[in-house]
């Protein structure tokens, strides 16, 4: 699947120097790790969002818009 870059809104669940844990469904259980090298852009929206953790607790995290290739989004199950 080749193609253009796409933007996806979601939650920045966690980040490391090498990757981000991103959820577009508001649940930690459905979050995916995306290597930083595959993230073309990460734009904080300036707002927070609430995600549901695996144990059922809620946590406030940053709402973001990421730009990734269509291929990466497809590989990670985001489209």
PDB file of N, CA and C in Angstrom:
ATOM      1  N   UNK A   1       0.850  -1.176   0.000  1.00  0.00           N
ATOM      2  CA  UNK A   1       0.000   0.000   0.000  1.00  0.00           C
ATOM      3  C   UNK A   1       0.893   1.236   0.000  1.00  0.00           C
ATOM      4  N   UNK A   2       0.966   1.864  -1.105  1.00  0.00           N
ATOM      5  CA  UNK A   2       1.742   3.102  -1.199  1.00  0.00           C
ATOM      6  C   UNK A   2       0.780   4.262  -1.052  1.00  0.00           C
ATOM      7  N   UNK A   3       1.332   5.414  -0.878  1.00  0.00           N
ATOM      8  CA  UNK A   3       0.420   6.535  -0.838  1.00  0.00           C
ATOM      9  C   UNK A   3       0.938   7.699  -0.052  1.00  0.00           C
ATOM     10  N   UNK A   4       0.038   8.565   0.174  1.00  0.00           N
ATOM     11  CA  UNK A   4       0.346   9.835   0.821  1.00  0.00           C
ATOM     12  C   UNK A   4       0.414   9.685   2.336  1.00  0.00           C
ATOM     13  N   UNK A   5       0.845  10.765   2.963  1.00  0.00           N
ATOM     14  CA  UNK A   5       0.803  10.842   4.419  1.00  0.00           C
ATOM     15  C   UNK A   5      -0.628  11.127   4.839  1.00  0.00           C
ATOM     16  N   UNK A   6      -0.985  10.634   6.018  1.00  0.00           N
ATOM     17  CA  UNK A   6      -2.309  10.911   6.562  1.00  0.00           C
ATOM     18  C   UNK A   6      -2.173  11.400   7.994  1.00  0.00           C
ATOM     19  N   UNK A   7      -3.150  12.166   8.424  1.00  0.00           N
ATOM     20  CA  UNK A   7      -3.196  12.660   9.799  1.00  0.00           C
ATOM     21  C   UNK A   7      -4.247  11.872  10.559  1.00  0.00           C
ATOM     22  N   UNK A   8      -3.909  11.522  11.800  1.00  0.00           N
ATOM     23  CA  UNK A   8      -4.819  10.754  12.647  1.00  0.00           C
ATOM     24  C   UNK A   8      -4.858  11.413  14.020  1.00  0.00           C
ATOM     25  N   UNK A   9      -6.049  11.693  14.502  1.00  0.00           N
ATOM     26  CA  UNK A   9      -6.223  12.267  15.838  1.00  0.00           C
ATOM     27  C   UNK A   9      -6.318  11.139  16.853  1.00  0.00           C
ATOM     28  N   UNK A  10      -5.740  11.383  18.024  1.00  0.00           N
ATOM     29  CA  UNK A  10      -5.802  10.372  19.066  1.00  0.00           C
ATOM     30  C   UNK A  10      -5.132  10.841  20.338  1.00  0.00           C
ATOM     31  N   UNK A  11      -4.697   9.866  21.122  1.00  0.00           N
ATOM     32  CA  UNK A  11      -4.111  10.132  22.432  1.00  0.00           C
ATOM     33  C   UNK A  11      -2.671   9.646  22.475  1.00  0.00           C
ATOM     34  N   UNK A  12      -1.805  10.464  23.041  1.00  0.00           N
ATOM     35  CA  UNK A  12      -0.416  10.083  23.282  1.00  0.00           C
ATOM     36  C   UNK A  12      -0.374   9.411  24.652  1.00  0.00           C
ATOM     37  N   UNK A  13      -0.403   8.089  24.636  1.00  0.00           N
ATOM     38  CA  UNK A  13      -0.499   7.314  25.875  1.00  0.00           C
ATOM     39  C   UNK A  13       0.835   7.297  26.615  1.00  0.00           C
ATOM     40  N   UNK A  14       1.914   7.144  25.859  1.00  0.00           N
ATOM     41  CA  UNK A  14       3.257   7.070  26.448  1.00  0.00           C
ATOM     42  C   UNK A  14       4.252   7.381  25.343  1.00  0.00           C
ATOM     43  N   UNK A  15       5.443   7.827  25.721  1.00  0.00           N
ATOM     44  CA  UNK A  15       6.483   8.046  24.725  1.00  0.00           C
ATOM     45  C   UNK A  15       7.845   7.725  25.297  1.00  0.00           C
ATOM     46  N   UNK A  16       8.716   7.279  24.421  1.00  0.00           N
ATOM     47  CA  UNK A  16      10.113   7.020  24.752  1.00  0.00           C
ATOM     48  C   UNK A  16      10.946   7.749  23.702  1.00  0.00           C
ATOM     49  N   UNK A  17      12.256   7.768  23.863  1.00  0.00           N
ATOM     50  CA  UNK A  17      13.070   8.404  22.827  1.00  0.00           C
ATOM     51  C   UNK A  17      12.939   7.736  21.448  1.00  0.00           C
ATOM     52  N   UNK A  18      12.508   6.479  21.416  1.00  0.00           N
ATOM     53  CA  UNK A  18      12.451   5.738  20.156  1.00  0.00           C
ATOM     54  C   UNK A  18      11.056   5.540  19.575  1.00  0.00           C
ATOM     55  N   UNK A  19      10.013   5.704  20.388  1.00  0.00           N
ATOM     56  CA  UNK A  19       8.667   5.397  19.896  1.00  0.00           C
ATOM     57  C   UNK A  19       7.602   6.118  20.715  1.00  0.00           C
ATOM     58  N   UNK A  20       6.395   6.139  20.127  1.00  0.00           N
ATOM     59  CA  UNK A  20       5.239   6.651  20.868  1.00  0.00           C
ATOM     60  C   UNK A  20       4.195   5.539  20.965  1.00  0.00           C
ATOM     61  N   UNK A  21       3.461   5.544  22.057  1.00  0.00           N
ATOM     62  CA  UNK A  21       2.324   4.640  22.223  1.00  0.00           C
ATOM     63  C   UNK A  21       1.090   5.484  21.960  1.00  0.00           C
ATOM     64  N   UNK A  22       0.388   5.183  20.873  1.00  0.00           N
ATOM     65  CA  UNK A  22      -0.692   6.023  20.359  1.00  0.00           C
ATOM     66  C   UNK A  22      -1.989   5.243  20.314  1.00  0.00           C
ATOM     67  N   UNK A  23      -3.070   5.884  20.749  1.00  0.00           N
ATOM     68  CA  UNK A  23      -4.396   5.269  20.683  1.00  0.00           C
ATOM     69  C   UNK A  23      -5.357   6.197  19.961  1.00  0.00           C
ATOM     70  N   UNK A  24      -6.029   5.656  18.965  1.00  0.00           N
ATOM     71  CA  UNK A  24      -7.062   6.431  18.284  1.00  0.00           C
ATOM     72  C   UNK A  24      -8.453   6.005  18.743  1.00  0.00           C
ATOM     73  N   UNK A  25      -8.506   5.096  19.729  1.00  0.00           N
ATOM     74  CA  UNK A  25      -9.787   4.589  20.219  1.00  0.00           C
ATOM     75  C   UNK A  25     -10.060   4.928  21.682  1.00  0.00           C
ATOM     76  N   UNK A  26      -9.110   5.610  22.334  1.00  0.00           N
ATOM     77  CA  UNK A  26      -9.320   6.011  23.715  1.00  0.00           C
ATOM     78  C   UNK A  26      -9.097   4.917  24.739  1.00  0.00           C
ATOM     79  N   UNK A  27      -8.431   3.837  24.323  1.00  0.00           N
ATOM     80  CA  UNK A  27      -8.163   2.730  25.230  1.00  0.00           C
ATOM     81  C   UNK A  27      -6.701   2.311  25.131  1.00  0.00           C
ATOM     82  N   UNK A  28      -6.085   2.102  26.286  1.00  0.00           N
ATOM     83  CA  UNK A  28      -4.698   1.644  26.298  1.00  0.00           C
ATOM     84  C   UNK A  28      -4.578   0.280  25.618  1.00  0.00           C
ATOM     85  N   UNK A  29      -5.578  -0.570  25.785  1.00  0.00           N
ATOM     86  CA  UNK A  29      -5.529  -1.918  25.221  1.00  0.00           C
ATOM     87  C   UNK A  29      -5.433  -1.911  23.698  1.00  0.00           C
ATOM     88  N   UNK A  30      -5.943  -0.880  23.050  1.00  0.00           N
ATOM     89  CA  UNK A  30      -5.889  -0.822  21.584  1.00  0.00           C
ATOM     90  C   UNK A  30      -4.774   0.093  21.076  1.00  0.00           C
ATOM     91  N   UNK A  31      -3.959   0.613  21.991  1.00  0.00           N
ATOM     92  CA  UNK A  31      -2.865   1.505  21.599  1.00  0.00           C
ATOM     93  C   UNK A  31      -1.774   0.719  20.866  1.00  0.00           C
ATOM     94  N   UNK A  32      -1.086   1.404  19.973  1.00  0.00           N
ATOM     95  CA  UNK A  32      -0.013   0.777  19.210  1.00  0.00           C
ATOM     96  C   UNK A  32       1.275   1.586  19.350  1.00  0.00           C
ATOM     97  N   UNK A  33       2.389   0.862  19.370  1.00  0.00           N
ATOM     98  CA  UNK A  33       3.691   1.519  19.383  1.00  0.00           C
ATOM     99  C   UNK A  33       4.058   1.881  17.949  1.00  0.00           C
ATOM    100  N   UNK A  34       4.462   3.121  17.752  1.00  0.00           N
ATOM    101  CA  UNK A  34       4.896   3.594  16.441  1.00  0.00           C
ATOM    102  C   UNK A  34       6.305   4.154  16.604  1.00  0.00           C
ATOM    103  N   UNK A  35       7.263   3.628  15.833  1.00  0.00           N
ATOM    104  CA  UNK A  35       8.621   4.164  15.928  1.00  0.00           C
ATOM    105  C   UNK A  35       8.641   5.655  15.593  1.00  0.00           C
ATOM    106  N   UNK A  36       9.433   6.418  16.315  1.00  0.00           N
ATOM    107  CA  UNK A  36       9.516   7.873  16.057  1.00  0.00           C
ATOM    108  C   UNK A  36       9.920   8.166  14.615  1.00  0.00           C
ATOM    109  N   UNK A  37      10.752   7.304  14.038  1.00  0.00           N
ATOM    110  CA  UNK A  37      11.172   7.504  12.661  1.00  0.00           C
ATOM    111  C   UNK A  37      10.025   7.391  11.666  1.00  0.00           C
ATOM    112  N   UNK A  38       8.942   6.723  12.061  1.00  0.00           N
ATOM    113  CA  UNK A  38       7.776   6.566  11.184  1.00  0.00           C
ATOM    114  C   UNK A  38       6.754   7.685  11.384  1.00  0.00           C
ATOM    115  N   UNK A  39       6.947   8.478  12.440  1.00  0.00           N
ATOM    116  CA  UNK A  39       6.032   9.587  12.717  1.00  0.00           C
ATOM    117  C   UNK A  39       6.592  10.833  12.031  1.00  0.00           C
ATOM    118  N   UNK A  40       5.902  11.262  10.989  1.00  0.00           N
ATOM    119  CA  UNK A  40       6.390  12.416  10.217  1.00  0.00           C
ATOM    120  C   UNK A  40       6.191  13.709  10.995  1.00  0.00           C
ATOM    121  N   UNK A  41       5.110  13.774  11.780  1.00  0.00           N
ATOM    122  CA  UNK A  41       4.836  14.954  12.607  1.00  0.00           C
ATOM    123  C   UNK A  41       3.938  14.534  13.760  1.00  0.00           C
ATOM    124  N   UNK A  42       4.108  15.234  14.885  1.00  0.00           N
ATOM    125  CA  UNK A  42       3.265  15.025  16.063  1.00  0.00           C
ATOM    126  C   UNK A  42       2.880  16.409  16.563  1.00  0.00           C
ATOM    127  N   UNK A  43       1.593  16.701  16.501  1.00  0.00           N
ATOM    128  CA  UNK A  43       1.102  18.022  16.886  1.00  0.00           C
ATOM    129  C   UNK A  43       0.173  17.913  18.092  1.00  0.00           C
ATOM    130  N   UNK A  44       0.592  18.411  19.253  1.00  0.00           N
ATOM    131  CA  UNK A  44      -0.331  18.467  20.389  1.00  0.00           C
ATOM    132  C   UNK A  44      -1.487  19.406  20.046  1.00  0.00           C
ATOM    133  N   UNK A  45      -2.680  19.040  20.467  1.00  0.00           N
ATOM    134  CA  UNK A  45      -3.846  19.888  20.199  1.00  0.00           C
ATOM    135  C   UNK A  45      -3.998  20.977  21.246  1.00  0.00           C
ATOM    136  N   UNK A  46      -3.233  20.854  22.342  1.00  0.00           N
ATOM    137  CA  UNK A  46      -3.381  21.800  23.441  1.00  0.00           C
ATOM    138  C   UNK A  46      -4.484  21.394  24.408  1.00  0.00           C
ATOM    139  N   UNK A  47      -5.048  20.235  24.164  1.00  0.00           N
ATOM    140  CA  UNK A  47      -6.118  19.716  25.029  1.00  0.00           C
ATOM    141  C   UNK A  47      -5.722  18.341  25.555  1.00  0.00           C
ATOM    142  N   UNK A  48      -6.403  17.945  26.591  1.00  0.00           N
ATOM    143  CA  UNK A  48      -6.222  16.604  27.126  1.00  0.00           C
ATOM    144  C   UNK A  48      -7.400  15.745  26.719  1.00  0.00           C
ATOM    145  N   UNK A  49      -7.194  14.447  26.803  1.00  0.00           N
ATOM    146  CA  UNK A  49      -8.263  13.488  26.588  1.00  0.00           C
ATOM    147  C   UNK A  49      -8.129  12.411  27.663  1.00  0.00           C
ATOM    148  N   UNK A  50      -9.175  11.687  27.899  1.00  0.00           N
ATOM    149  CA  UNK A  50      -9.158  10.648  28.921  1.00  0.00           C
ATOM    150  C   UNK A  50      -9.159   9.292  28.227  1.00  0.00           C
ATOM    151  N   UNK A  51      -8.222   8.431  28.634  1.00  0.00           N
ATOM    152  CA  UNK A  51      -8.183   7.077  28.098  1.00  0.00           C
ATOM    153  C   UNK A  51      -8.493   6.088  29.210  1.00  0.00           C
ATOM    154  N   UNK A  52      -8.945   4.928  28.801  1.00  0.00           N
ATOM    155  CA  UNK A  52      -9.207   3.841  29.741  1.00  0.00           C
ATOM    156  C   UNK A  52      -7.999   2.922  29.750  1.00  0.00           C
ATOM    157  N   UNK A  53      -7.415   2.732  30.932  1.00  0.00           N
ATOM    158  CA  UNK A  53      -6.264   1.850  31.083  1.00  0.00           C
ATOM    159  C   UNK A  53      -6.724   0.404  31.110  1.00  0.00           C
ATOM    160  N   UNK A  54      -5.787  -0.516  30.978  1.00  0.00           N
ATOM    161  CA  UNK A  54      -6.127  -1.944  30.941  1.00  0.00           C
ATOM    162  C   UNK A  54      -6.908  -2.407  32.170  1.00  0.00           C
ATOM    163  N   UNK A  55      -6.623  -1.839  33.318  1.00  0.00           N
ATOM    164  CA  UNK A  55      -7.311  -2.230  34.543  1.00  0.00           C
ATOM    165  C   UNK A  55      -8.665  -1.554  34.737  1.00  0.00           C
ATOM    166  N   UNK A  56      -9.059  -0.713  33.787  1.00  0.00           N
ATOM    167  CA  UNK A  56     -10.345  -0.039  33.876  1.00  0.00           C
ATOM    168  C   UNK A  56     -10.264   1.374  34.432  1.00  0.00           C
ATOM    169  N   UNK A  57      -9.107   1.746  35.000  1.00  0.00           N
ATOM    170  CA  UNK A  57      -8.950   3.104  35.503  1.00  0.00           C
ATOM    171  C   UNK A  57      -8.895   4.082  34.331  1.00  0.00           C
ATOM    172  N   UNK A  58      -9.147   5.330  34.642  1.00  0.00           N
ATOM    173  CA  UNK A  58      -9.082   6.394  33.632  1.00  0.00           C
ATOM    174  C   UNK A  58      -7.829   7.224  33.874  1.00  0.00           C
ATOM    175  N   UNK A  59      -7.245   7.741  32.798  1.00  0.00           N
ATOM    176  CA  UNK A  59      -6.075   8.607  32.915  1.00  0.00           C
ATOM    177  C   UNK A  59      -6.164   9.707  31.869  1.00  0.00           C
ATOM    178  N   UNK A  60      -5.808  10.905  32.288  1.00  0.00           N
ATOM    179  CA  UNK A  60      -5.798  12.056  31.381  1.00  0.00           C
ATOM    180  C   UNK A  60      -4.441  12.097  30.672  1.00  0.00           C
ATOM    181  N   UNK A  61      -4.485  12.182  29.336  1.00  0.00           N
ATOM    182  CA  UNK A  61      -3.269  12.245  28.522  1.00  0.00           C
ATOM    183  C   UNK A  61      -3.435  13.325  27.462  1.00  0.00           C
ATOM    184  N   UNK A  62      -2.359  13.631  26.763  1.00  0.00           N
ATOM    185  CA  UNK A  62      -2.390  14.661  25.732  1.00  0.00           C
ATOM    186  C   UNK A  62      -3.113  14.172  24.482  1.00  0.00           C
ATOM    187  N   UNK A  63      -3.999  15.000  23.966  1.00  0.00           N
ATOM    188  CA  UNK A  63      -4.620  14.749  22.664  1.00  0.00           C
ATOM    189  C   UNK A  63      -3.659  15.274  21.605  1.00  0.00           C
ATOM    190  N   UNK A  64      -3.428  14.471  20.572  1.00  0.00           N
ATOM    191  CA  UNK A  64      -2.468  14.835  19.529  1.00  0.00           C
ATOM    192  C   UNK A  64      -3.018  14.486  18.152  1.00  0.00           C
ATOM    193  N   UNK A  65      -2.381  15.057  17.157  1.00  0.00           N
ATOM    194  CA  UNK A  65      -2.609  14.654  15.771  1.00  0.00           C
ATOM    195  C   UNK A  65      -1.257  14.219  15.237  1.00  0.00           C
ATOM    196  N   UNK A  66      -1.197  12.976  14.742  1.00  0.00           N
ATOM    197  CA  UNK A  66       0.062  12.492  14.173  1.00  0.00           C
ATOM    198  C   UNK A  66      -0.065  12.417  12.656  1.00  0.00           C
ATOM    199  N   UNK A  67       1.063  12.570  12.004  1.00  0.00           N
ATOM    200  CA  UNK A  67       1.138  12.376  10.563  1.00  0.00           C
ATOM    201  C   UNK A  67       2.057  11.195  10.320  1.00  0.00           C
ATOM    202  N   UNK A  68       1.520  10.191   9.629  1.00  0.00           N
ATOM    203  CA  UNK A  68       2.285   8.990   9.286  1.00  0.00           C
ATOM    204  C   UNK A  68       1.969   8.626   7.841  1.00  0.00           C
ATOM    205  N   UNK A  69       2.774   7.751   7.277  1.00  0.00           N
ATOM    206  CA  UNK A  69       2.478   7.284   5.928  1.00  0.00           C
ATOM    207  C   UNK A  69       1.246   6.391   5.972  1.00  0.00           C
ATOM    208  N   UNK A  70       0.564   6.323   4.857  1.00  0.00           N
ATOM    209  CA  UNK A  70      -0.598   5.444   4.762  1.00  0.00           C
ATOM    210  C   UNK A  70      -0.184   4.002   5.056  1.00  0.00           C
ATOM    211  N   UNK A  71       1.006   3.620   4.617  1.00  0.00           N
ATOM    212  CA  UNK A  71       1.519   2.269   4.856  1.00  0.00           C
ATOM    213  C   UNK A  71       1.655   1.990   6.353  1.00  0.00           C
ATOM    214  N   UNK A  72       2.267   2.919   7.094  1.00  0.00           N
ATOM    215  CA  UNK A  72       2.424   2.749   8.539  1.00  0.00           C
ATOM    216  C   UNK A  72       1.067   2.667   9.223  1.00  0.00           C
ATOM    217  N   UNK A  73       0.150   3.548   8.845  1.00  0.00           N
ATOM    218  CA  UNK A  73      -1.189   3.543   9.447  1.00  0.00           C
ATOM    219  C   UNK A  73      -1.882   2.207   9.197  1.00  0.00           C
ATOM    220  N   UNK A  74      -1.740   1.674   8.007  1.00  0.00           N
ATOM    221  CA  UNK A  74      -2.353   0.382   7.675  1.00  0.00           C
ATOM    222  C   UNK A  74      -1.698  -0.738   8.474  1.00  0.00           C
ATOM    223  N   UNK A  75      -0.364  -0.748   8.527  1.00  0.00           N
ATOM    224  CA  UNK A  75       0.380  -1.763   9.286  1.00  0.00           C
ATOM    225  C   UNK A  75      -0.027  -1.785  10.744  1.00  0.00           C
ATOM    226  N   UNK A  76      -0.254  -0.630  11.321  1.00  0.00           N
ATOM    227  CA  UNK A  76      -0.564  -0.511  12.748  1.00  0.00           C
ATOM    228  C   UNK A  76      -2.062  -0.630  13.041  1.00  0.00           C
ATOM    229  N   UNK A  77      -2.868  -0.843  12.020  1.00  0.00           N
ATOM    230  CA  UNK A  77      -4.303  -1.016  12.221  1.00  0.00           C
ATOM    231  C   UNK A  77      -5.042   0.267  12.496  1.00  0.00           C
ATOM    232  N   UNK A  78      -4.475   1.385  12.070  1.00  0.00           N
ATOM    233  CA  UNK A  78      -5.106   2.683  12.317  1.00  0.00           C
ATOM    234  C   UNK A  78      -6.065   3.084  11.191  1.00  0.00           C
ATOM    235  N   UNK A  79      -5.960   2.376  10.061  1.00  0.00           N
ATOM    236  CA  UNK A  79      -6.931   2.572   8.960  1.00  0.00           C
ATOM    237  C   UNK A  79      -7.335   1.220   8.422  1.00  0.00           C
TER     238      UNK A  79
END
